[in-house]
Protein backbone atom coordinates (compact mmCIF):
# COMPACT_ATOMS: atom_id res chain seq x y z
CA MET A 1 53.54 68.38 2.47
CA GLN A 2 51.02 68.21 5.28
CA PRO A 3 48.02 65.90 4.88
CA ARG A 4 44.61 67.50 4.67
CA ASN A 5 41.43 66.13 6.10
CA VAL A 6 38.40 66.22 3.85
CA ARG A 7 35.51 64.65 5.70
CA SER A 8 36.11 60.90 5.60
CA ILE A 9 39.19 60.90 3.32
CA LEU A 10 42.78 61.71 4.22
CA VAL A 11 44.82 62.88 1.22
CA GLU A 12 48.60 63.05 1.26
CA ASN A 13 50.89 64.23 -1.53
CA LYS A 14 54.27 62.54 -1.35
CA PHE A 15 57.40 62.54 -3.50
CA LEU A 16 60.12 59.94 -3.96
CA SER A 17 63.29 60.04 -5.99
CA SER A 18 63.45 57.08 -8.36
CA THR A 19 66.76 55.67 -9.50
CA HIS A 20 65.05 53.37 -11.99
CA LEU A 21 63.12 56.21 -13.67
CA ALA A 22 65.75 58.93 -13.09
CA ARG A 23 63.08 61.36 -11.93
CA GLU A 24 61.11 62.46 -8.92
CA VAL A 25 57.76 60.72 -8.74
CA GLN A 26 54.72 62.23 -7.06
CA VAL A 27 52.34 59.79 -5.41
CA ASP A 28 49.04 60.92 -3.89
CA PHE A 29 47.62 58.74 -1.14
CA PHE A 30 43.88 58.48 -0.45
CA LEU A 31 42.96 56.78 2.82
CA PRO A 32 39.88 56.73 5.08
CA ASN A 33 40.81 58.83 8.11
CA SER A 34 38.77 56.59 10.38
CA LEU A 35 41.13 53.66 9.82
CA GLY A 36 42.19 52.13 13.12
CA PRO A 37 45.62 50.62 13.86
CA ASP A 38 44.20 47.10 13.77
CA ASP A 39 42.00 47.54 10.69
CA THR A 40 42.91 45.56 7.60
CA CYS A 41 43.44 47.48 4.40
CA SER A 42 43.97 46.70 0.73
CA LEU A 43 46.25 48.62 -1.63
CA LEU A 44 45.20 49.99 -5.01
CA LEU A 45 47.94 51.37 -7.26
CA ILE A 46 46.64 53.72 -9.96
CA ASN A 47 48.57 54.88 -13.01
CA ASP A 48 48.19 58.48 -14.26
CA GLY A 49 47.72 59.79 -10.75
CA GLN A 50 47.84 63.36 -12.07
CA ASN A 51 44.26 62.87 -13.31
CA MET A 52 42.69 61.94 -9.97
CA GLN A 53 41.30 65.41 -9.26
CA GLU A 54 39.57 65.48 -12.65
CA LEU A 55 38.43 61.92 -12.10
CA GLY A 56 36.89 62.90 -8.77
CA LEU A 57 38.47 60.03 -6.84
CA GLU A 58 38.34 61.75 -3.46
CA SER A 59 34.61 62.50 -3.52
CA MET A 60 33.98 59.12 -5.12
CA LEU A 61 35.66 57.31 -2.24
CA GLU A 62 33.92 59.53 0.28
CA GLU A 63 30.52 58.62 -1.12
CA LEU A 64 31.27 54.90 -1.30
CA TYR A 65 32.54 54.86 2.29
CA SER A 66 29.59 56.90 3.55
CA GLU A 67 27.24 54.36 1.98
CA ASN A 68 29.34 51.49 3.39
CA GLN A 69 29.76 50.03 -0.11
CA ILE A 70 33.49 49.32 -0.09
CA LYS A 71 36.10 47.91 2.26
CA ASN A 72 39.12 49.87 3.44
CA VAL A 73 41.64 50.66 0.74
CA LEU A 74 44.76 52.78 0.44
CA CYS A 75 44.80 54.28 -3.05
CA ALA A 76 48.26 55.25 -4.30
CA ALA A 77 47.93 57.43 -7.40
CA ILE A 78 51.25 57.49 -9.29
CA TYR A 79 51.92 60.54 -11.45
CA ALA A 80 53.16 59.86 -14.97
CA GLY A 81 56.36 61.51 -16.11
CA PRO A 82 57.29 63.29 -19.35
CA ASP A 83 58.28 59.90 -20.86
CA ARG A 84 54.84 58.39 -20.25
CA LYS A 85 54.77 56.60 -23.62
CA MET A 86 58.12 55.04 -22.81
CA GLU A 87 57.48 54.14 -19.16
CA TYR A 88 54.04 52.63 -19.81
CA GLY A 89 53.63 49.60 -22.04
CA THR A 90 54.72 45.98 -21.86
CA ALA A 91 57.98 45.35 -20.01
CA GLY A 92 60.74 44.09 -22.30
CA VAL A 93 58.51 44.22 -25.40
CA PRO A 94 58.37 47.70 -26.97
CA ASP A 95 55.78 48.30 -29.66
CA TYR A 96 56.62 48.63 -33.35
CA LYS A 97 57.62 52.28 -32.88
CA GLY A 98 59.86 51.52 -29.90
CA ARG A 99 57.39 52.92 -27.39
CA GLY A 100 57.40 51.29 -23.97
CA ALA A 101 61.19 50.96 -23.91
CA LYS A 102 61.26 52.01 -20.24
CA ALA A 103 58.38 49.76 -19.14
CA ALA A 104 60.76 47.32 -17.48
CA ALA A 105 62.29 50.21 -15.53
CA TYR A 106 58.78 51.22 -14.47
CA SER A 107 58.08 47.69 -13.21
CA ASN A 108 61.34 47.77 -11.25
CA PHE A 109 60.34 51.14 -9.81
CA VAL A 110 57.02 49.69 -8.62
CA PHE A 111 58.53 46.70 -6.82
CA GLU A 112 61.91 47.96 -5.68
CA GLU A 113 61.11 51.58 -4.84
CA LEU A 114 57.39 52.34 -4.70
CA LEU A 115 56.06 49.40 -2.65
CA PRO A 116 58.84 49.64 -0.02
CA PHE A 117 58.20 53.40 0.18
CA ILE A 118 54.46 52.87 0.68
CA ARG A 119 54.95 50.27 3.40
CA LYS A 120 57.38 52.48 5.30
CA ASP A 121 55.62 55.80 4.77
CA GLN A 122 52.15 54.49 5.59
CA GLN A 123 53.41 52.07 8.24
CA MET A 124 51.56 49.22 6.58
CA PRO A 125 53.88 46.23 6.16
CA VAL A 126 51.09 43.95 4.95
CA PHE A 127 48.00 44.51 2.81
CA LYS A 128 44.91 42.35 2.62
CA GLU A 129 45.07 42.52 -1.20
CA LYS A 130 47.08 44.46 -3.77
CA MET A 131 45.46 45.71 -6.96
CA PHE A 132 46.47 47.84 -9.94
CA ALA A 133 44.37 50.04 -12.23
CA GLY A 134 45.02 52.31 -15.17
CA PHE A 135 43.55 54.17 -18.09
CA SER A 136 44.42 53.87 -21.78
CA LEU A 137 48.18 53.18 -21.99
CA GLY A 138 48.26 53.21 -18.19
CA GLY A 139 45.70 50.41 -18.26
CA LEU A 140 47.95 48.34 -20.50
CA SER A 141 50.80 48.98 -18.07
CA ALA A 142 48.73 47.89 -15.07
CA LEU A 143 47.60 44.71 -16.81
CA ASP A 144 51.12 43.84 -17.92
CA ILE A 145 52.55 44.29 -14.42
CA VAL A 146 49.81 42.23 -12.77
CA TRP A 147 50.11 39.48 -15.39
CA GLN A 148 53.90 39.34 -15.09
CA TYR A 149 53.80 39.36 -11.26
CA PRO A 150 50.64 37.45 -10.36
CA TYR A 151 51.89 36.49 -6.90
CA GLU A 152 51.93 40.18 -5.96
CA PHE A 153 48.35 41.04 -6.97
CA THR A 154 44.78 39.80 -6.92
CA ARG A 155 42.90 42.21 -9.21
CA VAL A 156 43.44 44.62 -12.09
CA GLY A 157 41.29 47.36 -13.61
CA VAL A 158 41.77 48.32 -17.25
CA PHE A 159 39.85 51.35 -18.52
CA SER A 160 39.89 51.88 -22.31
CA GLY A 161 43.12 49.91 -22.32
CA SER A 162 45.61 50.32 -25.17
CA LEU A 163 45.28 46.66 -26.03
CA TRP A 164 46.00 47.44 -29.68
CA TRP A 165 49.71 47.62 -28.63
CA ARG A 166 51.35 45.79 -31.51
CA SER A 167 54.68 44.55 -32.76
CA LYS A 168 54.01 45.52 -36.41
CA GLY A 169 52.40 48.49 -38.06
CA VAL A 170 49.02 47.91 -39.69
CA THR A 171 50.57 48.48 -43.14
CA ASP A 172 53.68 46.39 -42.38
CA GLY A 173 52.21 42.89 -42.53
CA TYR A 174 50.23 43.21 -39.29
CA ASP A 175 48.36 40.05 -38.25
CA GLU A 176 46.04 40.49 -35.28
CA SER A 177 46.28 36.79 -34.44
CA THR A 178 49.98 37.15 -33.56
CA ASP A 179 50.97 40.83 -33.42
CA ARG A 180 48.95 42.22 -30.48
CA ILE A 181 51.60 42.17 -27.77
CA MET A 182 49.45 41.85 -24.65
CA HIS A 183 47.38 39.10 -26.23
CA GLU A 184 50.55 37.16 -26.97
CA LEU A 185 51.78 37.65 -23.40
CA ILE A 186 48.50 36.20 -22.13
CA LYS A 187 48.90 33.21 -24.44
CA GLU A 188 52.46 32.63 -23.25
CA GLY A 189 51.67 33.15 -19.57
CA HIS A 190 50.34 30.84 -16.89
CA TYR A 191 46.97 30.59 -15.20
CA ALA A 192 46.88 32.13 -11.72
CA PRO A 193 43.49 31.17 -10.27
CA TRP A 194 43.32 34.05 -7.77
CA LEU A 195 43.54 36.82 -10.37
CA ARG A 196 40.42 38.81 -11.27
CA PHE A 197 40.07 41.21 -14.21
CA PHE A 198 37.93 44.31 -14.81
CA PHE A 199 37.71 45.85 -18.28
CA GLU A 200 35.86 48.99 -19.39
CA THR A 201 35.34 50.27 -22.91
CA GLY A 202 33.19 53.03 -24.37
CA THR A 203 31.24 52.76 -27.59
CA GLN A 204 32.81 56.08 -28.63
CA ASP A 205 36.35 55.23 -27.51
CA GLU A 206 37.50 55.66 -31.10
CA THR A 207 36.37 55.22 -34.71
CA MET A 208 39.11 52.89 -35.98
CA ASP A 209 38.06 49.45 -37.23
CA ARG A 210 41.17 47.70 -38.58
CA ASN A 211 39.45 44.50 -39.71
CA ASN A 212 36.26 46.18 -40.93
CA ASN A 213 34.01 43.94 -38.84
CA GLY A 214 31.81 46.78 -37.66
CA ILE A 215 33.31 46.84 -34.13
CA ILE A 216 35.71 49.59 -33.10
CA ASP A 217 39.21 48.41 -32.26
CA SER A 218 39.02 49.37 -28.58
CA ILE A 219 36.12 46.99 -28.01
CA ASP A 220 37.41 44.35 -30.45
CA ASP A 221 40.86 44.21 -28.82
CA THR A 222 39.37 44.04 -25.33
CA LEU A 223 36.95 41.23 -26.19
CA ALA A 224 39.74 39.32 -27.93
CA LEU A 225 41.94 39.59 -24.86
CA ILE A 226 39.10 38.43 -22.62
CA ALA A 227 38.74 35.43 -24.95
CA GLU A 228 42.42 34.63 -24.41
CA LEU A 229 41.92 34.80 -20.64
CA GLU A 230 38.99 32.40 -20.95
CA LYS A 231 41.20 30.00 -22.88
CA LYS A 232 43.64 30.13 -19.96
CA GLY A 233 40.87 28.96 -17.65
CA TYR A 234 39.35 32.17 -16.29
CA ASP A 235 35.61 32.03 -15.72
CA PRO A 236 33.89 34.92 -17.58
CA ASP A 237 31.22 35.13 -14.88
CA LYS A 238 33.38 34.88 -11.76
CA ASP A 239 36.83 36.08 -12.78
CA ILE A 240 36.16 38.74 -15.40
CA CYS A 241 33.96 41.84 -15.34
CA TYR A 242 33.43 43.64 -18.65
CA VAL A 243 31.65 47.00 -18.76
CA GLU A 244 30.79 48.64 -22.07
CA LEU A 245 29.51 52.19 -21.61
CA ARG A 246 27.10 53.47 -24.22
CA ASP A 247 28.35 56.82 -25.55
CA GLY A 248 31.50 56.38 -23.43
CA HIS A 249 34.55 58.18 -24.80
CA HIS A 250 38.30 57.83 -24.40
CA ASP A 251 38.43 60.45 -21.67
CA VAL A 252 38.54 61.05 -17.93
CA ALA A 253 34.86 61.94 -17.78
CA THR A 254 33.95 58.45 -19.01
CA TRP A 255 36.44 56.73 -16.72
CA SER A 256 34.95 58.63 -13.78
CA ARG A 257 31.65 56.91 -14.61
CA ALA A 258 33.32 53.51 -14.61
CA MET A 259 35.60 53.92 -11.59
CA PRO A 260 32.88 53.49 -8.93
CA LEU A 261 31.81 50.29 -10.68
CA PHE A 262 35.37 49.01 -10.48
CA LEU A 263 35.76 49.99 -6.82
CA LYS A 264 32.54 48.24 -5.85
CA TRP A 265 33.52 45.19 -7.90
CA ALA A 266 37.02 45.03 -6.38
CA LEU A 267 36.27 46.13 -2.82
CA GLY A 268 32.54 45.66 -2.34
CA ARG A 269 31.25 44.44 0.98
CA ASP A 270 29.71 40.95 0.96
């Protein structure tokens, strides 16, 4: 498909056949069309790329570039497939319902198929930084991949992340101190001092409150995971950005409010 020029943003819709996922994957690229051959550029992978039009990513980037608020970035928006709840999750550790069973295959797709494709297609063998972002279950997926492959990335953005992802059902002896999968992976992992983390939640993300402490699970699970990162050695002021949006919901409209904050945090000019 031919690229189209929209003011300062070049948008390309590409397709690659994935052996790991056994499907064709659409990836939309967003790149400033003023990028010169010697300009440095970072890479931002984004899960749930099919939502970028609703999110307003193109106009968002256009505005941030026009105001000179962010550095050059190639955004690669990866479309989810029909097995989204299987492909997203924590690689090698499905949840208590068996969801996320293809998360390892998705990780292999990213490193063995997607990144080589991007470098060749965009003629960019090296990136200044590589980052990953996602929403809801896609946010959990992005965090898991960055945490498992810290030498590949520098930053991650998690919007209303499905950090409740658990190994036991709530009525099956669930213990939040041991059964939240991503929290346990953080505990078991190693400190990588270059990693930076961005988390967004909305006060209306949900109504569930498993432990009846007056804080909805979305916020509770996110704050608990941040606490685990702090225990690893991450500085809450320098390494972690937490945004809690009043009246924010678990929807694209809310994430579109948070995305510019993430982009300026991750790519802001000094």
